[in-house]
Amino acid sequence: MLSQQSTFQKEISFSIATEQELIESFRLRDQKKLILPENLKFPFNVRSYFTWKEPSGNYVYLVFKAPNWDLARGVAFKRTSGEPVGGLCSWCNAFGSAQELGMLSVAMSSTVSSSYFLCSDLRCIEKIEDMTAMGGKNPEKYIADLYHRIEKLFENISNYKKE
């Protein structure tokens, strides 16, 4: 996979100072599912967002901080089972096989969840960088669109009202 080392005008970066800060970035319902990556050293800097899979592969975690947020926010995605299919990621529009893309769900409450068809490893930013480098395009707009989609996810989670 190609990797472009570049800083974009609208790139988001932030730091996570402690393990407790990382844990507290997640909602209480997600903290119960949280398995931190081994050998994670604090403090650490994040370029765009931070993501990892827990060992069984059932959960994928995302930590993101929009420029207008005081603190980073985290979410636990659960891989949903079903008939494996390929397609396009709803965040980065990368095409992938059933192993590369999947339905990831976010618990809104104990009985309601929202699902998204996404890159199963949430490496969307890297895929955008690779696709634009191969196409000779500027990644700025695509990265801004990705950030907007991630912000919308967190907005939907925080604005969810149980009926």
N, C-alpha and C. Protein backbone atom coordinates (compact mmCIF):
# COMPACT_ATOMS: atom_id res chain seq x y z
N MET A 1 0.84 -1.19 0.00
CA MET A 1 0.00 0.00 0.00
C MET A 1 0.88 1.24 0.00
N LEU A 2 0.55 2.17 -0.83
CA LEU A 2 1.29 3.43 -0.87
C LEU A 2 0.97 4.25 0.36
N SER A 3 1.91 5.01 0.79
CA SER A 3 1.66 5.89 1.92
C SER A 3 2.30 7.24 1.64
N GLN A 4 1.52 8.25 1.75
CA GLN A 4 1.97 9.60 1.46
C GLN A 4 2.16 10.33 2.78
N GLN A 5 3.36 10.77 3.08
CA GLN A 5 3.61 11.52 4.30
C GLN A 5 3.45 13.00 3.98
N SER A 6 2.36 13.55 4.41
CA SER A 6 2.06 14.93 4.07
C SER A 6 1.15 15.51 5.13
N THR A 7 1.25 16.79 5.33
CA THR A 7 0.33 17.45 6.24
C THR A 7 -0.59 18.33 5.41
N PHE A 8 -1.87 18.16 5.62
CA PHE A 8 -2.86 18.90 4.86
C PHE A 8 -3.31 20.10 5.64
N GLN A 9 -3.81 21.10 4.94
CA GLN A 9 -4.21 22.34 5.58
C GLN A 9 -5.26 22.10 6.66
N LYS A 10 -6.16 21.20 6.42
CA LYS A 10 -7.26 20.98 7.36
C LYS A 10 -7.07 19.72 8.20
N GLU A 11 -5.86 19.17 8.21
CA GLU A 11 -5.63 17.94 8.96
C GLU A 11 -5.81 18.19 10.45
N ILE A 12 -6.40 17.24 11.11
CA ILE A 12 -6.65 17.32 12.54
C ILE A 12 -5.57 16.51 13.26
N SER A 13 -5.01 17.08 14.30
CA SER A 13 -4.09 16.33 15.15
C SER A 13 -4.37 16.70 16.60
N PHE A 14 -4.13 15.74 17.48
CA PHE A 14 -4.37 15.96 18.90
C PHE A 14 -3.53 14.96 19.69
N SER A 15 -3.52 15.11 21.00
CA SER A 15 -2.74 14.23 21.87
C SER A 15 -3.66 13.55 22.88
N ILE A 16 -3.28 12.36 23.27
CA ILE A 16 -3.92 11.66 24.37
C ILE A 16 -2.84 11.51 25.44
N ALA A 17 -3.05 12.13 26.61
CA ALA A 17 -2.01 12.20 27.62
C ALA A 17 -1.91 10.94 28.48
N THR A 18 -3.05 10.35 28.82
CA THR A 18 -3.04 9.22 29.75
C THR A 18 -4.02 8.14 29.31
N GLU A 19 -3.85 6.96 29.89
CA GLU A 19 -4.79 5.87 29.63
C GLU A 19 -6.19 6.27 30.08
N GLN A 20 -6.28 6.94 31.21
CA GLN A 20 -7.58 7.38 31.72
C GLN A 20 -8.26 8.35 30.76
N GLU A 21 -7.50 9.26 30.17
CA GLU A 21 -8.06 10.19 29.19
C GLU A 21 -8.61 9.43 27.98
N LEU A 22 -7.89 8.41 27.53
CA LEU A 22 -8.36 7.60 26.41
C LEU A 22 -9.65 6.88 26.77
N ILE A 23 -9.69 6.26 27.93
CA ILE A 23 -10.89 5.54 28.37
C ILE A 23 -12.07 6.50 28.48
N GLU A 24 -11.86 7.66 29.08
CA GLU A 24 -12.94 8.63 29.29
C GLU A 24 -13.43 9.29 28.01
N SER A 25 -12.70 9.12 26.91
CA SER A 25 -13.18 9.68 25.64
C SER A 25 -14.37 8.86 25.11
N PHE A 26 -14.56 7.66 25.62
CA PHE A 26 -15.65 6.78 25.20
C PHE A 26 -16.86 6.96 26.11
N ARG A 27 -18.04 6.75 25.54
CA ARG A 27 -19.27 6.75 26.34
C ARG A 27 -19.19 5.60 27.34
N LEU A 28 -19.92 5.70 28.44
CA LEU A 28 -19.92 4.63 29.45
C LEU A 28 -20.29 3.29 28.85
N ARG A 29 -21.27 3.27 27.95
CA ARG A 29 -21.71 2.02 27.34
C ARG A 29 -20.59 1.40 26.51
N ASP A 30 -19.72 2.22 25.92
CA ASP A 30 -18.60 1.71 25.13
C ASP A 30 -17.40 1.35 26.01
N GLN A 31 -17.25 2.04 27.15
CA GLN A 31 -16.14 1.73 28.05
C GLN A 31 -16.21 0.29 28.54
N LYS A 32 -17.42 -0.25 28.67
CA LYS A 32 -17.59 -1.63 29.13
C LYS A 32 -17.05 -2.63 28.12
N LYS A 33 -16.97 -2.25 26.84
CA LYS A 33 -16.51 -3.13 25.76
C LYS A 33 -15.05 -2.86 25.40
N LEU A 34 -14.45 -1.90 26.03
CA LEU A 34 -13.14 -1.39 25.63
C LEU A 34 -12.00 -2.35 26.01
N ILE A 35 -11.22 -2.70 25.02
CA ILE A 35 -9.98 -3.46 25.22
C ILE A 35 -8.89 -2.63 24.55
N LEU A 36 -8.03 -2.05 25.37
CA LEU A 36 -6.98 -1.18 24.85
C LEU A 36 -5.90 -1.99 24.15
N PRO A 37 -5.26 -1.40 23.14
CA PRO A 37 -4.18 -2.12 22.45
C PRO A 37 -3.00 -2.35 23.40
N GLU A 38 -2.35 -3.48 23.23
CA GLU A 38 -1.17 -3.77 24.04
C GLU A 38 -0.04 -2.84 23.64
N ASN A 39 0.84 -2.59 24.57
CA ASN A 39 2.06 -1.80 24.34
C ASN A 39 1.79 -0.37 23.92
N LEU A 40 0.65 0.18 24.28
CA LEU A 40 0.33 1.57 23.97
C LEU A 40 1.06 2.46 24.98
N LYS A 41 1.84 3.39 24.50
CA LYS A 41 2.64 4.27 25.36
C LYS A 41 1.99 5.65 25.41
N PHE A 42 1.88 6.20 26.61
CA PHE A 42 1.29 7.52 26.82
C PHE A 42 2.38 8.48 27.23
N PRO A 43 2.26 9.74 26.88
CA PRO A 43 1.27 10.33 25.96
C PRO A 43 1.61 9.96 24.52
N PHE A 44 0.60 10.08 23.64
CA PHE A 44 0.85 9.84 22.23
C PHE A 44 0.07 10.85 21.40
N ASN A 45 0.61 11.14 20.23
CA ASN A 45 -0.01 12.10 19.31
C ASN A 45 -0.81 11.35 18.26
N VAL A 46 -1.91 11.95 17.85
CA VAL A 46 -2.79 11.34 16.87
C VAL A 46 -2.86 12.23 15.64
N ARG A 47 -2.68 11.62 14.48
CA ARG A 47 -2.84 12.31 13.21
C ARG A 47 -4.19 11.90 12.65
N SER A 48 -5.12 12.81 12.53
CA SER A 48 -6.48 12.62 12.01
C SER A 48 -7.38 11.90 12.99
N TYR A 49 -7.13 10.62 13.25
CA TYR A 49 -7.91 9.87 14.24
C TYR A 49 -7.13 8.62 14.61
N PHE A 50 -7.54 7.98 15.70
CA PHE A 50 -6.86 6.80 16.20
C PHE A 50 -7.85 5.64 16.17
N THR A 51 -7.42 4.50 15.65
CA THR A 51 -8.31 3.36 15.56
C THR A 51 -7.54 2.06 15.82
N TRP A 52 -8.24 1.07 16.35
CA TRP A 52 -7.66 -0.25 16.56
C TRP A 52 -8.77 -1.27 16.68
N LYS A 53 -8.39 -2.55 16.45
CA LYS A 53 -9.31 -3.68 16.61
C LYS A 53 -8.93 -4.42 17.88
N GLU A 54 -9.93 -4.95 18.57
CA GLU A 54 -9.61 -5.79 19.71
C GLU A 54 -9.27 -7.18 19.17
N PRO A 55 -8.58 -8.01 19.97
CA PRO A 55 -8.03 -9.27 19.45
C PRO A 55 -9.02 -10.20 18.74
N SER A 56 -10.26 -10.29 19.19
CA SER A 56 -11.21 -11.21 18.54
C SER A 56 -11.73 -10.65 17.22
N GLY A 57 -11.57 -9.35 17.01
CA GLY A 57 -12.05 -8.72 15.78
C GLY A 57 -13.52 -8.34 15.82
N ASN A 58 -14.19 -8.57 16.96
CA ASN A 58 -15.60 -8.21 17.07
C ASN A 58 -15.82 -6.71 17.19
N TYR A 59 -14.86 -6.01 17.80
CA TYR A 59 -15.01 -4.58 17.99
C TYR A 59 -13.86 -3.83 17.31
N VAL A 60 -14.21 -2.69 16.74
CA VAL A 60 -13.24 -1.75 16.18
C VAL A 60 -13.49 -0.43 16.90
N TYR A 61 -12.44 0.20 17.38
CA TYR A 61 -12.57 1.43 18.16
C TYR A 61 -12.04 2.62 17.36
N LEU A 62 -12.69 3.76 17.56
CA LEU A 62 -12.32 4.99 16.87
C LEU A 62 -12.28 6.12 17.88
N VAL A 63 -11.19 6.89 17.88
CA VAL A 63 -11.07 8.09 18.70
C VAL A 63 -10.80 9.24 17.74
N PHE A 64 -11.60 10.30 17.88
CA PHE A 64 -11.57 11.43 16.95
C PHE A 64 -11.77 12.71 17.74
N LYS A 65 -11.19 13.80 17.25
CA LYS A 65 -11.41 15.11 17.88
C LYS A 65 -11.57 16.15 16.79
N ALA A 66 -12.76 16.71 16.70
CA ALA A 66 -13.02 17.80 15.77
C ALA A 66 -12.40 19.08 16.33
N PRO A 67 -12.04 20.01 15.45
CA PRO A 67 -11.40 21.25 15.92
C PRO A 67 -12.22 22.03 16.94
N ASN A 68 -13.53 21.97 16.85
CA ASN A 68 -14.37 22.74 17.77
C ASN A 68 -14.76 21.97 19.04
N TRP A 69 -14.23 20.78 19.23
CA TRP A 69 -14.49 20.00 20.44
C TRP A 69 -13.39 20.24 21.47
N ASP A 70 -13.78 20.29 22.74
CA ASP A 70 -12.79 20.45 23.81
C ASP A 70 -11.96 19.18 23.99
N LEU A 71 -12.61 18.03 23.88
CA LEU A 71 -11.96 16.75 24.14
C LEU A 71 -12.19 15.78 22.99
N ALA A 72 -11.31 14.81 22.88
CA ALA A 72 -11.50 13.74 21.90
C ALA A 72 -12.68 12.88 22.33
N ARG A 73 -13.32 12.23 21.36
CA ARG A 73 -14.44 11.34 21.63
C ARG A 73 -14.15 9.98 20.99
N GLY A 74 -14.59 8.94 21.66
CA GLY A 74 -14.37 7.60 21.16
C GLY A 74 -15.68 6.85 20.99
N VAL A 75 -15.65 5.85 20.12
CA VAL A 75 -16.83 5.01 19.88
C VAL A 75 -16.36 3.59 19.60
N ALA A 76 -17.16 2.63 20.07
CA ALA A 76 -16.89 1.22 19.79
C ALA A 76 -17.87 0.76 18.72
N PHE A 77 -17.33 0.29 17.60
CA PHE A 77 -18.13 -0.30 16.54
C PHE A 77 -18.12 -1.80 16.73
N LYS A 78 -19.26 -2.42 16.54
CA LYS A 78 -19.34 -3.88 16.58
C LYS A 78 -19.53 -4.38 15.17
N ARG A 79 -18.73 -5.37 14.80
CA ARG A 79 -18.90 -6.00 13.48
C ARG A 79 -20.19 -6.79 13.52
N THR A 80 -21.05 -6.58 12.54
CA THR A 80 -22.30 -7.33 12.50
C THR A 80 -22.14 -8.52 11.56
N SER A 81 -22.76 -9.59 11.94
CA SER A 81 -22.68 -10.79 11.11
C SER A 81 -23.73 -10.72 10.01
N GLY A 82 -23.51 -11.45 9.01
CA GLY A 82 -24.43 -11.48 7.88
C GLY A 82 -23.71 -11.99 6.65
N GLU A 83 -24.40 -11.97 5.56
CA GLU A 83 -23.82 -12.44 4.31
C GLU A 83 -22.69 -11.50 3.89
N PRO A 84 -21.46 -12.02 3.72
CA PRO A 84 -20.35 -11.14 3.34
C PRO A 84 -20.51 -10.63 1.91
N VAL A 85 -20.34 -9.33 1.76
CA VAL A 85 -20.40 -8.70 0.44
C VAL A 85 -19.33 -7.62 0.37
N GLY A 86 -18.90 -7.30 -0.82
CA GLY A 86 -17.98 -6.19 -1.03
C GLY A 86 -18.79 -4.96 -1.38
N GLY A 87 -18.11 -3.89 -1.67
CA GLY A 87 -18.81 -2.68 -2.05
C GLY A 87 -17.97 -1.45 -1.82
N LEU A 88 -18.64 -0.33 -1.56
CA LEU A 88 -17.99 0.95 -1.32
C LEU A 88 -18.17 1.37 0.13
N CYS A 89 -17.09 1.84 0.73
CA CYS A 89 -17.15 2.39 2.09
C CYS A 89 -17.96 3.68 2.06
N SER A 90 -18.86 3.84 3.01
CA SER A 90 -19.67 5.07 3.05
C SER A 90 -18.88 6.30 3.48
N TRP A 91 -17.71 6.12 4.05
CA TRP A 91 -16.91 7.26 4.49
C TRP A 91 -15.87 7.68 3.46
N CYS A 92 -15.12 6.74 2.90
CA CYS A 92 -14.02 7.12 2.00
C CYS A 92 -14.27 6.73 0.55
N ASN A 93 -15.35 6.01 0.29
CA ASN A 93 -15.71 5.55 -1.05
C ASN A 93 -14.69 4.60 -1.66
N ALA A 94 -13.89 3.96 -0.82
CA ALA A 94 -12.95 2.95 -1.32
C ALA A 94 -13.74 1.68 -1.61
N PHE A 95 -13.38 1.03 -2.72
CA PHE A 95 -14.02 -0.24 -3.06
C PHE A 95 -13.23 -1.34 -2.37
N GLY A 96 -13.94 -2.34 -1.86
CA GLY A 96 -13.25 -3.43 -1.20
C GLY A 96 -14.05 -4.71 -1.19
N SER A 97 -13.36 -5.78 -0.87
CA SER A 97 -13.98 -7.10 -0.77
C SER A 97 -14.70 -7.23 0.57
N ALA A 98 -15.32 -8.38 0.78
CA ALA A 98 -16.02 -8.65 2.04
C ALA A 98 -15.05 -8.67 3.22
N GLN A 99 -13.79 -8.97 2.98
CA GLN A 99 -12.80 -8.95 4.06
C GLN A 99 -12.37 -7.52 4.40
N GLU A 100 -12.48 -6.62 3.45
CA GLU A 100 -12.02 -5.24 3.65
C GLU A 100 -13.12 -4.30 4.12
N LEU A 101 -14.37 -4.61 3.79
CA LEU A 101 -15.51 -3.77 4.16
C LEU A 101 -16.52 -4.60 4.94
N GLY A 102 -17.27 -3.92 5.78
CA GLY A 102 -18.29 -4.65 6.52
C GLY A 102 -19.27 -3.70 7.18
N MET A 103 -20.32 -4.29 7.70
CA MET A 103 -21.32 -3.53 8.43
C MET A 103 -20.85 -3.39 9.86
N LEU A 104 -20.63 -2.16 10.29
CA LEU A 104 -20.22 -1.87 11.66
C LEU A 104 -21.35 -1.12 12.34
N SER A 105 -21.72 -1.57 13.53
CA SER A 105 -22.84 -0.93 14.21
C SER A 105 -22.38 -0.24 15.49
N VAL A 106 -23.13 0.78 15.86
CA VAL A 106 -22.89 1.56 17.06
C VAL A 106 -24.16 1.48 17.90
N ALA A 107 -24.00 1.08 19.15
CA ALA A 107 -25.16 1.01 20.05
C ALA A 107 -25.59 2.42 20.44
N MET A 108 -26.83 2.74 20.13
CA MET A 108 -27.39 4.04 20.51
C MET A 108 -28.03 3.94 21.90
N SER A 109 -28.59 2.77 22.20
CA SER A 109 -29.18 2.45 23.50
C SER A 109 -29.08 0.94 23.65
N SER A 110 -29.69 0.41 24.67
CA SER A 110 -29.63 -1.05 24.86
C SER A 110 -30.44 -1.80 23.82
N THR A 111 -31.35 -1.11 23.12
CA THR A 111 -32.20 -1.78 22.13
C THR A 111 -32.07 -1.22 20.72
N VAL A 112 -31.35 -0.12 20.54
CA VAL A 112 -31.26 0.53 19.23
C VAL A 112 -29.80 0.70 18.84
N SER A 113 -29.49 0.38 17.58
CA SER A 113 -28.15 0.63 17.06
C SER A 113 -28.25 1.21 15.66
N SER A 114 -27.19 1.88 15.24
CA SER A 114 -27.07 2.40 13.88
C SER A 114 -25.94 1.66 13.21
N SER A 115 -26.13 1.31 11.95
CA SER A 115 -25.10 0.57 11.22
C SER A 115 -24.57 1.38 10.06
N TYR A 116 -23.29 1.15 9.78
CA TYR A 116 -22.59 1.86 8.72
C TYR A 116 -21.79 0.83 7.92
N PHE A 117 -21.76 0.96 6.60
CA PHE A 117 -20.96 0.10 5.75
C PHE A 117 -19.62 0.78 5.56
N LEU A 118 -18.57 0.28 6.26
CA LEU A 118 -17.29 0.96 6.34
C LEU A 118 -16.12 0.01 6.12
N CYS A 119 -14.96 0.60 5.91
CA CYS A 119 -13.73 -0.19 5.88
C CYS A 119 -13.61 -0.86 7.25
N SER A 120 -13.41 -2.15 7.27
CA SER A 120 -13.45 -2.89 8.53
C SER A 120 -12.32 -2.51 9.48
N ASP A 121 -11.25 -1.93 8.97
CA ASP A 121 -10.15 -1.50 9.82
C ASP A 121 -10.18 0.02 10.07
N LEU A 122 -11.15 0.71 9.50
CA LEU A 122 -11.32 2.17 9.62
C LEU A 122 -10.08 2.95 9.17
N ARG A 123 -9.35 2.41 8.21
CA ARG A 123 -8.16 3.10 7.69
C ARG A 123 -8.54 3.98 6.50
N CYS A 124 -9.65 4.64 6.59
CA CYS A 124 -10.16 5.46 5.48
C CYS A 124 -9.19 6.57 5.07
N ILE A 125 -8.56 7.21 6.02
CA ILE A 125 -7.66 8.32 5.68
C ILE A 125 -6.50 7.82 4.82
N GLU A 126 -5.96 6.66 5.16
CA GLU A 126 -4.86 6.10 4.38
C GLU A 126 -5.33 5.73 2.98
N LYS A 127 -6.52 5.22 2.86
CA LYS A 127 -7.05 4.85 1.55
C LYS A 127 -7.29 6.08 0.69
N ILE A 128 -7.76 7.15 1.31
CA ILE A 128 -7.95 8.41 0.58
C ILE A 128 -6.60 8.92 0.09
N GLU A 129 -5.60 8.90 0.96
CA GLU A 129 -4.27 9.37 0.57
C GLU A 129 -3.72 8.54 -0.59
N ASP A 130 -3.87 7.21 -0.50
CA ASP A 130 -3.37 6.34 -1.56
C ASP A 130 -4.11 6.56 -2.87
N MET A 131 -5.44 6.63 -2.81
CA MET A 131 -6.24 6.80 -4.03
C MET A 131 -5.94 8.14 -4.72
N THR A 132 -5.81 9.20 -3.93
CA THR A 132 -5.55 10.51 -4.54
C THR A 132 -4.12 10.59 -5.07
N ALA A 133 -3.17 9.94 -4.39
CA ALA A 133 -1.78 9.93 -4.89
C ALA A 133 -1.71 9.19 -6.23
N MET A 134 -2.40 8.06 -6.32
CA MET A 134 -2.38 7.30 -7.58
C MET A 134 -3.11 8.05 -8.70
N GLY A 135 -4.13 8.83 -8.33
CA GLY A 135 -4.89 9.58 -9.33
C GLY A 135 -4.36 10.98 -9.58
N GLY A 136 -3.30 11.36 -8.87
CA GLY A 136 -2.73 12.69 -9.05
C GLY A 136 -3.65 13.80 -8.59
N LYS A 137 -4.48 13.52 -7.59
CA LYS A 137 -5.44 14.51 -7.08
C LYS A 137 -5.01 15.01 -5.71
N ASN A 138 -5.53 16.17 -5.35
CA ASN A 138 -5.31 16.73 -4.03
C ASN A 138 -6.29 16.06 -3.06
N PRO A 139 -5.81 15.49 -1.96
CA PRO A 139 -6.69 14.78 -1.03
C PRO A 139 -7.50 15.69 -0.10
N GLU A 140 -7.22 16.97 -0.10
CA GLU A 140 -7.81 17.91 0.87
C GLU A 140 -9.34 17.80 0.96
N LYS A 141 -10.03 17.87 -0.15
CA LYS A 141 -11.50 17.83 -0.15
C LYS A 141 -12.01 16.50 0.38
N TYR A 142 -11.36 15.42 -0.03
CA TYR A 142 -11.81 14.08 0.38
C TYR A 142 -11.60 13.86 1.89
N ILE A 143 -10.50 14.39 2.40
CA ILE A 143 -10.24 14.28 3.83
C ILE A 143 -11.22 15.14 4.62
N ALA A 144 -11.51 16.34 4.12
CA ALA A 144 -12.50 17.19 4.78
C ALA A 144 -13.87 16.51 4.79
N ASP A 145 -14.23 15.84 3.69
CA ASP A 145 -15.49 15.10 3.64
C ASP A 145 -15.50 13.96 4.66
N LEU A 146 -14.38 13.25 4.78
CA LEU A 146 -14.27 12.17 5.75
C LEU A 146 -14.46 12.71 7.16
N TYR A 147 -13.78 13.79 7.51
CA TYR A 147 -13.92 14.39 8.84
C TYR A 147 -15.38 14.76 9.10
N HIS A 148 -16.03 15.32 8.09
CA HIS A 148 -17.44 15.71 8.24
C HIS A 148 -18.31 14.48 8.54
N ARG A 149 -18.07 13.39 7.84
CA ARG A 149 -18.85 12.16 8.06
C ARG A 149 -18.62 11.60 9.46
N ILE A 150 -17.38 11.66 9.93
CA ILE A 150 -17.08 11.17 11.28
C ILE A 150 -17.75 12.08 12.31
N GLU A 151 -17.69 13.39 12.11
CA GLU A 151 -18.37 14.31 13.02
C GLU A 151 -19.87 14.02 13.07
N LYS A 152 -20.48 13.73 11.91
CA LYS A 152 -21.91 13.41 11.85
C LYS A 152 -22.23 12.16 12.68
N LEU A 153 -21.35 11.16 12.61
CA LEU A 153 -21.54 9.96 13.42
C LEU A 153 -21.63 10.33 14.89
N PHE A 154 -20.67 11.12 15.38
CA PHE A 154 -20.67 11.50 16.79
C PHE A 154 -21.85 12.40 17.13
N GLU A 155 -22.26 13.24 16.19
CA GLU A 155 -23.44 14.08 16.39
C GLU A 155 -24.68 13.20 16.53
N ASN A 156 -24.82 12.19 15.68
CA ASN A 156 -25.97 11.28 15.76
C ASN A 156 -25.99 10.53 17.08
N ILE A 157 -24.83 10.12 17.55
CA ILE A 157 -24.75 9.40 18.82
C ILE A 157 -25.17 10.30 19.98
N SER A 158 -24.63 11.52 20.00
CA SER A 158 -24.92 12.41 21.12
C SER A 158 -26.31 13.01 21.09
N ASN A 159 -26.92 13.09 19.90
CA ASN A 159 -28.27 13.64 19.79
C ASN A 159 -29.36 12.60 19.85
N TYR A 160 -28.98 11.31 20.00
CA TYR A 160 -29.99 10.26 20.02
C TYR A 160 -30.89 10.43 21.24
N LYS A 161 -32.18 10.46 20.98
CA LYS A 161 -33.18 10.56 22.04
C LYS A 161 -34.06 9.33 22.00
N LYS A 162 -34.13 8.62 23.11
CA LYS A 162 -34.97 7.45 23.18
C LYS A 162 -36.42 7.87 23.09
N GLU A 163 -37.19 7.15 22.27
CA GLU A 163 -38.61 7.52 22.08
C GLU A 163 -39.47 7.04 23.22
